[in-house]
Amino acid sequence: MSENRNSFDWQQLMPVVLIAAAGLLLFFGLKGGGGSSKNTKNLVKDEKVQSNVNEHLRKTAEKIEMAKRQQAIRSWQLVNDYSRSVGEQAYVPPSEGANLQETDSAHEVAKDLGRSYDGSSAGSGNASDLIHQQMFEAQISQQADKAYKDAYASQFIENARRAGWDVKLDDNFKVISVKKIQRKPTNQFDLFK
């Protein structure tokens, strides 16, 4: 026990010594032991940097403010130009009740359809001619439609035959039957026998 009281434990004292040394170094570093001329030069440089930064920030703020004002002027000009292009109209109070004024829109629609306003054809004088003309146009349209469907069906059957299928269609162009065409493999050398 006497040995423990007489021996000094350096490991417990080491953190205290390190903290004290760091404090002394910090104290002398802040005190500026290098000289006062360096401090004044650093202060002058810091002031120049700060003044440059402040000047840049001021100019940037001015540019942003100028851009906002120019945009406001442009939008005002657009609104002003639009309001000048639309003429002023007098206020017309809404009328009560039904509007019984006749418009020409019915005449225009009838004219577009090739008829007069009273229902007869604009080109011919009687209804019989109009009915015959409409029936003729319907017949021509049906014939053209039938010819188109026939051509389409022929092309469909031909394409199926090229792909190796025999397809049969009824009169309504619906598939009745489909058969695979059995093709015999041809030998190149058998062609000239």
N, C-alpha and C. Protein backbone atom coordinates (compact mmCIF):
# COMPACT_ATOMS: atom_id res chain seq x y z
N MET A 1 0.79 -1.18 0.00
CA MET A 1 0.00 0.00 0.00
C MET A 1 0.83 1.25 0.00
N SER A 2 1.94 1.20 0.62
CA SER A 2 2.80 2.36 0.67
C SER A 2 3.37 2.68 -0.70
N GLU A 3 3.53 1.69 -1.54
CA GLU A 3 4.03 1.93 -2.88
C GLU A 3 2.99 2.66 -3.73
N ASN A 4 1.77 2.37 -3.53
CA ASN A 4 0.72 3.03 -4.32
C ASN A 4 0.61 4.50 -3.96
N ARG A 5 0.86 4.86 -2.68
CA ARG A 5 0.75 6.26 -2.30
C ARG A 5 1.96 7.05 -2.78
N ASN A 6 3.09 6.47 -2.84
CA ASN A 6 4.30 7.17 -3.24
C ASN A 6 4.43 7.28 -4.76
N SER A 7 3.95 6.32 -5.50
CA SER A 7 4.08 6.37 -6.97
C SER A 7 3.00 7.30 -7.54
N PHE A 8 3.40 8.04 -8.53
CA PHE A 8 2.51 9.02 -9.14
C PHE A 8 2.01 8.44 -10.47
N ASP A 9 0.69 8.53 -10.71
CA ASP A 9 0.10 7.95 -11.93
C ASP A 9 0.07 9.01 -13.03
N TRP A 10 1.03 8.92 -13.96
CA TRP A 10 1.15 9.89 -15.05
C TRP A 10 0.00 9.76 -16.06
N GLN A 11 -0.60 8.63 -16.15
CA GLN A 11 -1.68 8.43 -17.13
C GLN A 11 -2.91 9.26 -16.78
N GLN A 12 -3.16 9.49 -15.50
CA GLN A 12 -4.31 10.30 -15.11
C GLN A 12 -4.02 11.79 -15.31
N LEU A 13 -2.78 12.18 -15.25
CA LEU A 13 -2.40 13.58 -15.38
C LEU A 13 -2.25 14.00 -16.86
N MET A 14 -2.09 13.06 -17.77
CA MET A 14 -1.85 13.35 -19.19
C MET A 14 -2.98 14.17 -19.82
N PRO A 15 -4.26 13.90 -19.66
CA PRO A 15 -5.30 14.72 -20.29
C PRO A 15 -5.30 16.16 -19.78
N VAL A 16 -5.00 16.37 -18.51
CA VAL A 16 -4.96 17.72 -17.95
C VAL A 16 -3.82 18.50 -18.58
N VAL A 17 -2.67 17.88 -18.76
CA VAL A 17 -1.51 18.53 -19.37
C VAL A 17 -1.81 18.89 -20.82
N LEU A 18 -2.45 18.01 -21.57
CA LEU A 18 -2.78 18.29 -22.97
C LEU A 18 -3.76 19.45 -23.10
N ILE A 19 -4.75 19.53 -22.23
CA ILE A 19 -5.72 20.63 -22.27
C ILE A 19 -5.04 21.95 -21.94
N ALA A 20 -4.13 21.94 -20.98
CA ALA A 20 -3.42 23.17 -20.61
C ALA A 20 -2.53 23.63 -21.76
N ALA A 21 -1.85 22.71 -22.43
CA ALA A 21 -0.98 23.06 -23.55
C ALA A 21 -1.79 23.64 -24.70
N ALA A 22 -2.95 23.05 -24.98
CA ALA A 22 -3.80 23.56 -26.05
C ALA A 22 -4.30 24.96 -25.72
N GLY A 23 -4.62 25.21 -24.46
CA GLY A 23 -5.07 26.54 -24.04
C GLY A 23 -3.97 27.58 -24.21
N LEU A 24 -2.73 27.24 -23.85
CA LEU A 24 -1.61 28.17 -24.01
C LEU A 24 -1.35 28.48 -25.49
N LEU A 25 -1.39 27.45 -26.33
CA LEU A 25 -1.18 27.67 -27.76
C LEU A 25 -2.28 28.56 -28.34
N LEU A 26 -3.48 28.35 -27.92
CA LEU A 26 -4.59 29.15 -28.39
C LEU A 26 -4.46 30.59 -27.92
N PHE A 27 -4.02 30.77 -26.70
CA PHE A 27 -3.85 32.12 -26.14
C PHE A 27 -2.79 32.89 -26.92
N PHE A 28 -1.64 32.25 -27.15
CA PHE A 28 -0.57 32.93 -27.88
C PHE A 28 -0.92 33.13 -29.36
N GLY A 29 -1.70 32.22 -29.92
CA GLY A 29 -2.10 32.36 -31.32
C GLY A 29 -3.06 33.52 -31.51
N LEU A 30 -3.96 33.71 -30.58
CA LEU A 30 -4.90 34.82 -30.68
C LEU A 30 -4.27 36.14 -30.33
N LYS A 31 -3.27 36.09 -29.50
CA LYS A 31 -2.59 37.31 -29.09
C LYS A 31 -1.85 37.91 -30.28
N GLY A 32 -1.51 37.09 -31.25
CA GLY A 32 -0.83 37.61 -32.44
C GLY A 32 0.61 37.89 -32.18
N GLY A 33 1.31 36.95 -31.73
CA GLY A 33 2.70 37.13 -31.39
C GLY A 33 3.55 37.44 -32.60
N GLY A 34 3.07 37.35 -33.84
CA GLY A 34 3.87 37.57 -35.03
C GLY A 34 4.15 39.04 -35.29
N GLY A 35 3.33 39.95 -34.86
CA GLY A 35 3.56 41.37 -35.11
C GLY A 35 2.28 42.05 -35.52
N SER A 36 2.26 43.35 -35.35
CA SER A 36 1.05 44.11 -35.62
C SER A 36 0.89 44.43 -37.10
N SER A 37 1.96 44.42 -37.90
CA SER A 37 1.86 44.75 -39.32
C SER A 37 1.08 43.67 -40.07
N LYS A 38 1.22 42.42 -39.67
CA LYS A 38 0.46 41.34 -40.31
C LYS A 38 -1.02 41.49 -40.01
N ASN A 39 -1.34 41.86 -38.80
CA ASN A 39 -2.74 42.03 -38.43
C ASN A 39 -3.39 43.15 -39.23
N THR A 40 -2.68 44.25 -39.40
CA THR A 40 -3.25 45.37 -40.15
C THR A 40 -3.41 45.02 -41.62
N LYS A 41 -2.46 44.25 -42.18
CA LYS A 41 -2.59 43.82 -43.57
C LYS A 41 -3.79 42.89 -43.72
N ASN A 42 -3.94 41.97 -42.78
CA ASN A 42 -5.08 41.05 -42.83
C ASN A 42 -6.40 41.81 -42.69
N LEU A 43 -6.41 42.79 -41.81
CA LEU A 43 -7.63 43.58 -41.64
C LEU A 43 -7.96 44.36 -42.90
N VAL A 44 -6.96 44.91 -43.56
CA VAL A 44 -7.17 45.66 -44.80
C VAL A 44 -7.70 44.72 -45.89
N LYS A 45 -7.11 43.52 -45.99
CA LYS A 45 -7.56 42.54 -46.98
C LYS A 45 -9.00 42.12 -46.70
N ASP A 46 -9.30 41.87 -45.42
CA ASP A 46 -10.66 41.47 -45.06
C ASP A 46 -11.66 42.57 -45.40
N GLU A 47 -11.27 43.81 -45.15
CA GLU A 47 -12.17 44.92 -45.46
C GLU A 47 -12.38 45.06 -46.97
N LYS A 48 -11.32 44.85 -47.77
CA LYS A 48 -11.45 44.91 -49.22
C LYS A 48 -12.36 43.79 -49.73
N VAL A 49 -12.17 42.59 -49.19
CA VAL A 49 -12.99 41.46 -49.60
C VAL A 49 -14.45 41.72 -49.25
N GLN A 50 -14.68 42.22 -48.04
CA GLN A 50 -16.05 42.49 -47.63
C GLN A 50 -16.67 43.59 -48.48
N SER A 51 -15.90 44.62 -48.81
CA SER A 51 -16.46 45.70 -49.64
C SER A 51 -16.76 45.19 -51.05
N ASN A 52 -15.90 44.31 -51.59
CA ASN A 52 -16.15 43.74 -52.92
C ASN A 52 -17.40 42.86 -52.91
N VAL A 53 -17.53 42.04 -51.86
CA VAL A 53 -18.71 41.18 -51.75
C VAL A 53 -19.97 42.02 -51.62
N ASN A 54 -19.91 43.05 -50.79
CA ASN A 54 -21.08 43.91 -50.62
C ASN A 54 -21.44 44.62 -51.92
N GLU A 55 -20.44 45.07 -52.66
CA GLU A 55 -20.69 45.74 -53.94
C GLU A 55 -21.33 44.79 -54.93
N HIS A 56 -20.83 43.56 -54.98
CA HIS A 56 -21.40 42.55 -55.88
C HIS A 56 -22.85 42.24 -55.50
N LEU A 57 -23.12 42.08 -54.21
CA LEU A 57 -24.49 41.81 -53.77
C LEU A 57 -25.42 42.97 -54.11
N ARG A 58 -24.94 44.19 -53.94
CA ARG A 58 -25.76 45.37 -54.25
C ARG A 58 -26.09 45.42 -55.74
N LYS A 59 -25.07 45.17 -56.60
CA LYS A 59 -25.30 45.19 -58.04
C LYS A 59 -26.25 44.07 -58.47
N THR A 60 -26.10 42.90 -57.87
CA THR A 60 -27.00 41.79 -58.20
C THR A 60 -28.43 42.12 -57.80
N ALA A 61 -28.61 42.70 -56.63
CA ALA A 61 -29.95 43.09 -56.19
C ALA A 61 -30.55 44.13 -57.12
N GLU A 62 -29.72 45.07 -57.59
CA GLU A 62 -30.20 46.09 -58.52
C GLU A 62 -30.62 45.46 -59.85
N LYS A 63 -29.83 44.48 -60.34
CA LYS A 63 -30.17 43.81 -61.59
C LYS A 63 -31.50 43.06 -61.47
N ILE A 64 -31.68 42.37 -60.35
CA ILE A 64 -32.93 41.63 -60.14
C ILE A 64 -34.11 42.59 -60.09
N GLU A 65 -33.95 43.68 -59.38
CA GLU A 65 -35.02 44.68 -59.28
C GLU A 65 -35.32 45.28 -60.65
N MET A 66 -34.30 45.53 -61.44
CA MET A 66 -34.49 46.09 -62.78
C MET A 66 -35.23 45.09 -63.67
N ALA A 67 -34.88 43.82 -63.59
CA ALA A 67 -35.57 42.80 -64.39
C ALA A 67 -37.04 42.70 -63.99
N LYS A 68 -37.33 42.79 -62.69
CA LYS A 68 -38.72 42.75 -62.24
C LYS A 68 -39.50 43.94 -62.80
N ARG A 69 -38.89 45.11 -62.77
CA ARG A 69 -39.58 46.31 -63.28
C ARG A 69 -39.81 46.21 -64.79
N GLN A 70 -38.81 45.70 -65.52
CA GLN A 70 -38.99 45.55 -66.97
C GLN A 70 -40.10 44.56 -67.29
N GLN A 71 -40.18 43.48 -66.53
CA GLN A 71 -41.25 42.49 -66.73
C GLN A 71 -42.61 43.11 -66.43
N ALA A 72 -42.69 43.91 -65.39
CA ALA A 72 -43.95 44.58 -65.06
C ALA A 72 -44.36 45.54 -66.17
N ILE A 73 -43.39 46.25 -66.74
CA ILE A 73 -43.69 47.17 -67.85
C ILE A 73 -44.18 46.40 -69.07
N ARG A 74 -43.53 45.28 -69.38
CA ARG A 74 -43.95 44.47 -70.53
C ARG A 74 -45.37 43.94 -70.34
N SER A 75 -45.68 43.44 -69.16
CA SER A 75 -47.02 42.91 -68.93
C SER A 75 -48.06 44.03 -68.98
N TRP A 76 -47.72 45.21 -68.48
CA TRP A 76 -48.64 46.34 -68.55
C TRP A 76 -48.89 46.73 -70.01
N GLN A 77 -47.81 46.71 -70.83
CA GLN A 77 -47.96 47.05 -72.24
C GLN A 77 -48.85 46.04 -72.96
N LEU A 78 -48.69 44.74 -72.65
CA LEU A 78 -49.53 43.73 -73.28
C LEU A 78 -50.99 43.92 -72.92
N VAL A 79 -51.26 44.18 -71.65
CA VAL A 79 -52.64 44.40 -71.22
C VAL A 79 -53.19 45.66 -71.88
N ASN A 80 -52.39 46.69 -71.93
CA ASN A 80 -52.83 47.95 -72.52
C ASN A 80 -53.09 47.79 -74.02
N ASP A 81 -52.22 47.05 -74.73
CA ASP A 81 -52.42 46.82 -76.16
C ASP A 81 -53.69 46.02 -76.40
N TYR A 82 -53.94 45.02 -75.56
CA TYR A 82 -55.14 44.20 -75.72
C TYR A 82 -56.40 45.04 -75.49
N SER A 83 -56.36 45.88 -74.46
CA SER A 83 -57.55 46.68 -74.18
C SER A 83 -57.79 47.71 -75.28
N ARG A 84 -56.75 48.15 -75.96
CA ARG A 84 -56.93 49.09 -77.08
C ARG A 84 -57.46 48.37 -78.31
N SER A 85 -57.08 47.09 -78.51
CA SER A 85 -57.52 46.37 -79.70
C SER A 85 -58.99 46.00 -79.63
N VAL A 86 -59.53 45.82 -78.45
CA VAL A 86 -60.95 45.50 -78.30
C VAL A 86 -61.69 46.81 -78.10
N GLY A 87 -62.56 47.10 -79.04
CA GLY A 87 -63.29 48.36 -78.97
C GLY A 87 -64.30 48.36 -77.83
N GLU A 88 -64.57 49.54 -77.36
CA GLU A 88 -65.55 49.65 -76.28
C GLU A 88 -66.94 49.45 -76.85
N GLN A 89 -67.75 48.74 -76.11
CA GLN A 89 -69.11 48.48 -76.55
C GLN A 89 -70.06 49.07 -75.53
N ALA A 90 -71.15 49.56 -76.04
CA ALA A 90 -72.15 50.15 -75.15
C ALA A 90 -72.86 49.04 -74.38
N TYR A 91 -73.28 49.36 -73.20
CA TYR A 91 -73.99 48.39 -72.37
C TYR A 91 -75.40 48.21 -72.92
N VAL A 92 -75.76 46.96 -73.14
CA VAL A 92 -77.10 46.63 -73.60
C VAL A 92 -77.76 45.85 -72.48
N PRO A 93 -78.78 46.41 -71.88
CA PRO A 93 -79.43 45.68 -70.78
C PRO A 93 -80.13 44.44 -71.32
N PRO A 94 -80.13 43.36 -70.56
CA PRO A 94 -80.78 42.14 -71.03
C PRO A 94 -82.29 42.35 -71.17
N SER A 95 -82.81 41.80 -72.25
CA SER A 95 -84.25 41.94 -72.47
C SER A 95 -84.98 40.82 -71.75
N GLU A 96 -86.13 41.14 -71.25
CA GLU A 96 -86.92 40.13 -70.55
C GLU A 96 -87.83 39.44 -71.55
N GLY A 97 -88.07 38.17 -71.35
CA GLY A 97 -88.96 37.43 -72.22
C GLY A 97 -88.20 36.79 -73.36
N ALA A 98 -88.94 36.25 -74.33
CA ALA A 98 -88.36 35.55 -75.46
C ALA A 98 -87.97 36.54 -76.55
N ASN A 99 -86.91 36.21 -77.26
CA ASN A 99 -86.47 37.02 -78.39
C ASN A 99 -87.16 36.49 -79.63
N LEU A 100 -88.04 37.26 -80.21
CA LEU A 100 -88.84 36.81 -81.35
C LEU A 100 -88.32 37.35 -82.67
N GLN A 101 -87.11 37.85 -82.69
CA GLN A 101 -86.56 38.37 -83.93
C GLN A 101 -86.10 37.21 -84.80
N GLU A 102 -86.37 37.32 -86.10
CA GLU A 102 -86.01 36.26 -87.03
C GLU A 102 -84.55 36.44 -87.45
N THR A 103 -83.83 35.34 -87.47
CA THR A 103 -82.44 35.38 -87.92
C THR A 103 -82.32 34.66 -89.24
N ASP A 104 -81.22 34.87 -89.92
CA ASP A 104 -81.00 34.24 -91.23
C ASP A 104 -80.28 32.91 -91.11
N SER A 105 -80.07 32.41 -89.92
CA SER A 105 -79.31 31.16 -89.78
C SER A 105 -80.05 29.98 -90.39
N ALA A 106 -81.36 29.94 -90.32
CA ALA A 106 -82.12 28.85 -90.92
C ALA A 106 -81.97 28.88 -92.43
N HIS A 107 -81.97 30.07 -93.01
CA HIS A 107 -81.78 30.19 -94.45
C HIS A 107 -80.39 29.71 -94.86
N GLU A 108 -79.39 30.02 -94.05
CA GLU A 108 -78.02 29.60 -94.36
C GLU A 108 -77.87 28.09 -94.29
N VAL A 109 -78.48 27.47 -93.29
CA VAL A 109 -78.41 26.01 -93.16
C VAL A 109 -79.11 25.35 -94.34
N ALA A 110 -80.28 25.84 -94.70
CA ALA A 110 -81.01 25.27 -95.84
C ALA A 110 -80.21 25.44 -97.12
N LYS A 111 -79.56 26.57 -97.27
CA LYS A 111 -78.76 26.81 -98.47
C LYS A 111 -77.57 25.85 -98.52
N ASP A 112 -76.94 25.59 -97.35
CA ASP A 112 -75.83 24.65 -97.30
C ASP A 112 -76.27 23.24 -97.67
N LEU A 113 -77.49 22.88 -97.33
CA LEU A 113 -78.00 21.55 -97.64
C LEU A 113 -78.52 21.43 -99.06
N GLY A 114 -78.53 22.54 -99.79
CA GLY A 114 -78.99 22.51 -101.17
C GLY A 114 -80.49 22.60 -101.28
N ARG A 115 -81.13 23.15 -100.29
CA ARG A 115 -82.58 23.30 -100.30
C ARG A 115 -82.94 24.75 -100.05
N SER A 116 -84.16 25.07 -100.41
CA SER A 116 -84.63 26.41 -100.08
C SER A 116 -85.22 26.37 -98.68
N TYR A 117 -85.57 27.52 -98.18
CA TYR A 117 -86.05 27.61 -96.80
C TYR A 117 -87.38 26.90 -96.60
N ASP A 118 -88.19 26.81 -97.65
CA ASP A 118 -89.50 26.17 -97.49
C ASP A 118 -89.43 24.65 -97.59
N GLY A 119 -88.25 24.06 -97.80
CA GLY A 119 -88.09 22.61 -97.78
C GLY A 119 -87.85 22.01 -99.13
N SER A 120 -88.14 22.69 -100.21
CA SER A 120 -87.91 22.12 -101.53
C SER A 120 -86.45 22.31 -101.92
N SER A 121 -86.06 21.61 -102.96
CA SER A 121 -84.68 21.72 -103.42
C SER A 121 -84.45 23.08 -104.05
N ALA A 122 -83.27 23.61 -103.83
CA ALA A 122 -82.96 24.92 -104.38
C ALA A 122 -82.77 24.85 -105.88
N GLY A 123 -82.34 23.69 -106.38
CA GLY A 123 -82.06 23.57 -107.80
C GLY A 123 -83.27 23.15 -108.62
N SER A 124 -84.14 22.32 -108.08
CA SER A 124 -85.27 21.83 -108.85
C SER A 124 -86.58 22.30 -108.22
N GLY A 125 -87.62 22.20 -108.99
CA GLY A 125 -88.88 22.75 -108.55
C GLY A 125 -89.77 21.79 -107.80
N ASN A 126 -89.58 20.46 -107.91
CA ASN A 126 -90.53 19.57 -107.23
C ASN A 126 -89.82 18.56 -106.33
N ALA A 127 -90.60 17.94 -105.46
CA ALA A 127 -90.07 16.99 -104.49
C ALA A 127 -89.70 15.67 -105.13
N SER A 128 -90.38 15.30 -106.21
CA SER A 128 -90.12 14.04 -106.88
C SER A 128 -88.69 13.99 -107.42
N ASP A 129 -88.25 15.07 -108.03
CA ASP A 129 -86.87 15.12 -108.54
C ASP A 129 -85.86 15.02 -107.41
N LEU A 130 -86.17 15.66 -106.31
CA LEU A 130 -85.28 15.60 -105.15
C LEU A 130 -85.17 14.18 -104.61
N ILE A 131 -86.29 13.48 -104.51
CA ILE A 131 -86.29 12.10 -104.01
C ILE A 131 -85.52 11.20 -104.96
N HIS A 132 -85.74 11.36 -106.28
CA HIS A 132 -85.00 10.54 -107.25
C HIS A 132 -83.51 10.82 -107.19
N GLN A 133 -83.15 12.06 -107.02
CA GLN A 133 -81.73 12.41 -106.93
C GLN A 133 -81.10 11.78 -105.69
N GLN A 134 -81.79 11.84 -104.56
CA GLN A 134 -81.25 11.24 -103.33
C GLN A 134 -81.15 9.73 -103.45
N MET A 135 -82.13 9.09 -104.08
CA MET A 135 -82.07 7.63 -104.27
C MET A 135 -80.92 7.25 -105.19
N PHE A 136 -80.70 8.04 -106.25
CA PHE A 136 -79.60 7.77 -107.17
C PHE A 136 -78.26 7.89 -106.45
N GLU A 137 -78.11 8.94 -105.65
CA GLU A 137 -76.86 9.13 -104.90
C GLU A 137 -76.64 8.00 -103.90
N ALA A 138 -77.70 7.52 -103.25
CA ALA A 138 -77.58 6.40 -102.32
C ALA A 138 -77.18 5.13 -103.05
N GLN A 139 -77.75 4.91 -104.26
CA GLN A 139 -77.42 3.72 -105.04
C GLN A 139 -75.96 3.76 -105.48
N ILE A 140 -75.49 4.89 -105.93
CA ILE A 140 -74.09 5.04 -106.35
C ILE A 140 -73.17 4.78 -105.16
N SER A 141 -73.54 5.30 -104.00
CA SER A 141 -72.73 5.10 -102.80
C SER A 141 -72.67 3.63 -102.41
N GLN A 142 -73.80 2.92 -102.52
CA GLN A 142 -73.82 1.49 -102.19
C GLN A 142 -72.97 0.70 -103.17
N GLN A 143 -73.03 1.05 -104.45
CA GLN A 143 -72.22 0.34 -105.45
C GLN A 143 -70.73 0.56 -105.20
N ALA A 144 -70.37 1.76 -104.87
CA ALA A 144 -68.95 2.04 -104.59
C ALA A 144 -68.50 1.30 -103.34
N ASP A 145 -69.36 1.24 -102.34
CA ASP A 145 -69.03 0.52 -101.11
C ASP A 145 -68.88 -0.97 -101.38
N LYS A 146 -69.76 -1.54 -102.20
CA LYS A 146 -69.70 -2.97 -102.54
C LYS A 146 -68.42 -3.26 -103.31
N ALA A 147 -68.06 -2.39 -104.26
CA ALA A 147 -66.84 -2.60 -105.04
C ALA A 147 -65.61 -2.54 -104.14
N TYR A 148 -65.62 -1.63 -103.18
CA TYR A 148 -64.49 -1.53 -102.25
C TYR A 148 -64.38 -2.80 -101.40
N LYS A 149 -65.51 -3.29 -100.90
CA LYS A 149 -65.48 -4.50 -100.07
C LYS A 149 -65.04 -5.71 -100.88
N ASP A 150 -65.49 -5.81 -102.16
CA ASP A 150 -65.06 -6.93 -103.01
C ASP A 150 -63.55 -6.90 -103.24
N ALA A 151 -63.02 -5.72 -103.52
CA ALA A 151 -61.58 -5.60 -103.75
C ALA A 151 -60.80 -5.94 -102.48
N TYR A 152 -61.31 -5.51 -101.35
CA TYR A 152 -60.63 -5.80 -100.08
C TYR A 152 -60.66 -7.30 -99.79
N ALA A 153 -61.80 -7.96 -100.04
CA ALA A 153 -61.91 -9.39 -99.81
C ALA A 153 -60.98 -10.16 -100.74
N SER A 154 -60.90 -9.74 -102.01
CA SER A 154 -60.00 -10.42 -102.96
C SER A 154 -58.55 -10.31 -102.50
N GLN A 155 -58.17 -9.14 -102.04
CA GLN A 155 -56.80 -8.94 -101.56
C GLN A 155 -56.55 -9.78 -100.32
N PHE A 156 -57.54 -9.86 -99.44
CA PHE A 156 -57.41 -10.67 -98.22
C PHE A 156 -57.20 -12.14 -98.56
N ILE A 157 -58.00 -12.66 -99.49
CA ILE A 157 -57.88 -14.07 -99.90
C ILE A 157 -56.53 -14.31 -100.56
N GLU A 158 -56.08 -13.39 -101.40
CA GLU A 158 -54.78 -13.54 -102.07
C GLU A 158 -53.63 -13.54 -101.07
N ASN A 159 -53.68 -12.64 -100.09
CA ASN A 159 -52.63 -12.61 -99.07
C ASN A 159 -52.63 -13.88 -98.24
N ALA A 160 -53.80 -14.41 -97.93
CA ALA A 160 -53.88 -15.66 -97.17
C ALA A 160 -53.32 -16.82 -97.99
N ARG A 161 -53.61 -16.84 -99.28
CA ARG A 161 -53.10 -17.90 -100.16
C ARG A 161 -51.57 -17.85 -100.22
N ARG A 162 -51.00 -16.66 -100.29
CA ARG A 162 -49.54 -16.53 -100.31
C ARG A 162 -48.93 -17.00 -99.00
N ALA A 163 -49.67 -16.85 -97.91
CA ALA A 163 -49.16 -17.28 -96.61
C ALA A 163 -49.39 -18.77 -96.37
N GLY A 164 -50.09 -19.45 -97.30
CA GLY A 164 -50.28 -20.89 -97.17
C GLY A 164 -51.63 -21.28 -96.61
N TRP A 165 -52.65 -20.46 -96.77
CA TRP A 165 -53.99 -20.75 -96.25
C TRP A 165 -55.02 -20.59 -97.36
N ASP A 166 -56.00 -21.49 -97.37
CA ASP A 166 -57.12 -21.37 -98.30
C ASP A 166 -58.31 -20.86 -97.49
N VAL A 167 -58.75 -19.63 -97.80
CA VAL A 167 -59.81 -18.98 -97.04
C VAL A 167 -61.02 -18.79 -97.94
N LYS A 168 -62.21 -19.10 -97.41
CA LYS A 168 -63.46 -18.89 -98.15
C LYS A 168 -64.34 -17.93 -97.35
N LEU A 169 -64.94 -16.96 -98.06
CA LEU A 169 -65.82 -15.96 -97.45
C LEU A 169 -67.23 -16.10 -98.00
N ASP A 170 -68.23 -15.72 -97.20
CA ASP A 170 -69.61 -15.72 -97.69
C ASP A 170 -69.94 -14.36 -98.30
N ASP A 171 -71.22 -14.14 -98.64
CA ASP A 171 -71.63 -12.88 -99.29
C ASP A 171 -71.52 -11.69 -98.35
N ASN A 172 -71.54 -11.91 -97.04
CA ASN A 172 -71.42 -10.82 -96.06
C ASN A 172 -69.96 -10.61 -95.64
N PHE A 173 -69.04 -11.24 -96.36
CA PHE A 173 -67.60 -11.11 -96.13
C PHE A 173 -67.18 -11.68 -94.77
N LYS A 174 -67.83 -12.73 -94.35
CA LYS A 174 -67.44 -13.43 -93.12
C LYS A 174 -66.75 -14.72 -93.52
N VAL A 175 -65.77 -15.14 -92.72
CA VAL A 175 -64.97 -16.32 -93.03
C VAL A 175 -65.82 -17.56 -92.81
N ILE A 176 -65.89 -18.40 -93.86
CA ILE A 176 -66.64 -19.66 -93.77
C ILE A 176 -65.70 -20.79 -93.40
N SER A 177 -64.57 -20.88 -94.10
CA SER A 177 -63.63 -21.97 -93.81
C SER A 177 -62.20 -21.51 -94.05
N VAL A 178 -61.31 -22.19 -93.32
CA VAL A 178 -59.88 -21.93 -93.44
C VAL A 178 -59.18 -23.28 -93.48
N LYS A 179 -58.36 -23.49 -94.50
CA LYS A 179 -57.61 -24.75 -94.62
C LYS A 179 -56.16 -24.42 -94.92
N LYS A 180 -55.29 -25.23 -94.35
CA LYS A 180 -53.86 -25.08 -94.61
C LYS A 180 -53.55 -25.72 -95.95
N ILE A 181 -52.87 -25.01 -96.80
CA ILE A 181 -52.49 -25.53 -98.11
C ILE A 181 -51.22 -26.36 -97.93
N GLN A 182 -51.28 -27.62 -98.39
CA GLN A 182 -50.13 -28.51 -98.29
C GLN A 182 -49.24 -28.26 -99.50
N ARG A 183 -48.10 -27.72 -99.24
CA ARG A 183 -47.16 -27.46 -100.32
C ARG A 183 -46.12 -28.57 -100.34
N LYS A 184 -45.86 -29.04 -101.53
CA LYS A 184 -44.84 -30.07 -101.68
C LYS A 184 -43.50 -29.38 -101.76
N PRO A 185 -42.52 -29.86 -101.00
CA PRO A 185 -41.20 -29.25 -101.10
C PRO A 185 -40.60 -29.54 -102.47
N THR A 186 -40.11 -28.54 -103.08
CA THR A 186 -39.51 -28.69 -104.40
C THR A 186 -38.00 -28.78 -104.25
N ASN A 187 -37.44 -29.59 -105.06
CA ASN A 187 -35.99 -29.74 -105.09
C ASN A 187 -35.48 -28.93 -106.28
N GLN A 188 -34.43 -28.22 -106.08
CA GLN A 188 -33.89 -27.39 -107.15
C GLN A 188 -33.52 -28.21 -108.38
N PHE A 189 -33.08 -29.39 -108.15
CA PHE A 189 -32.57 -30.20 -109.25
C PHE A 189 -33.69 -30.90 -109.99
N ASP A 190 -34.92 -30.93 -109.40
CA ASP A 190 -36.03 -31.57 -110.07
C ASP A 190 -36.72 -30.64 -111.07
N LEU A 191 -36.34 -29.42 -111.11
CA LEU A 191 -37.00 -28.47 -111.99
C LEU A 191 -36.75 -28.76 -113.47
N PHE A 192 -35.63 -29.32 -113.82
CA PHE A 192 -35.26 -29.49 -115.22
C PHE A 192 -35.44 -30.91 -115.71
N LYS A 193 -36.18 -31.72 -115.06
CA LYS A 193 -36.38 -33.11 -115.50
C LYS A 193 -37.51 -33.22 -116.47
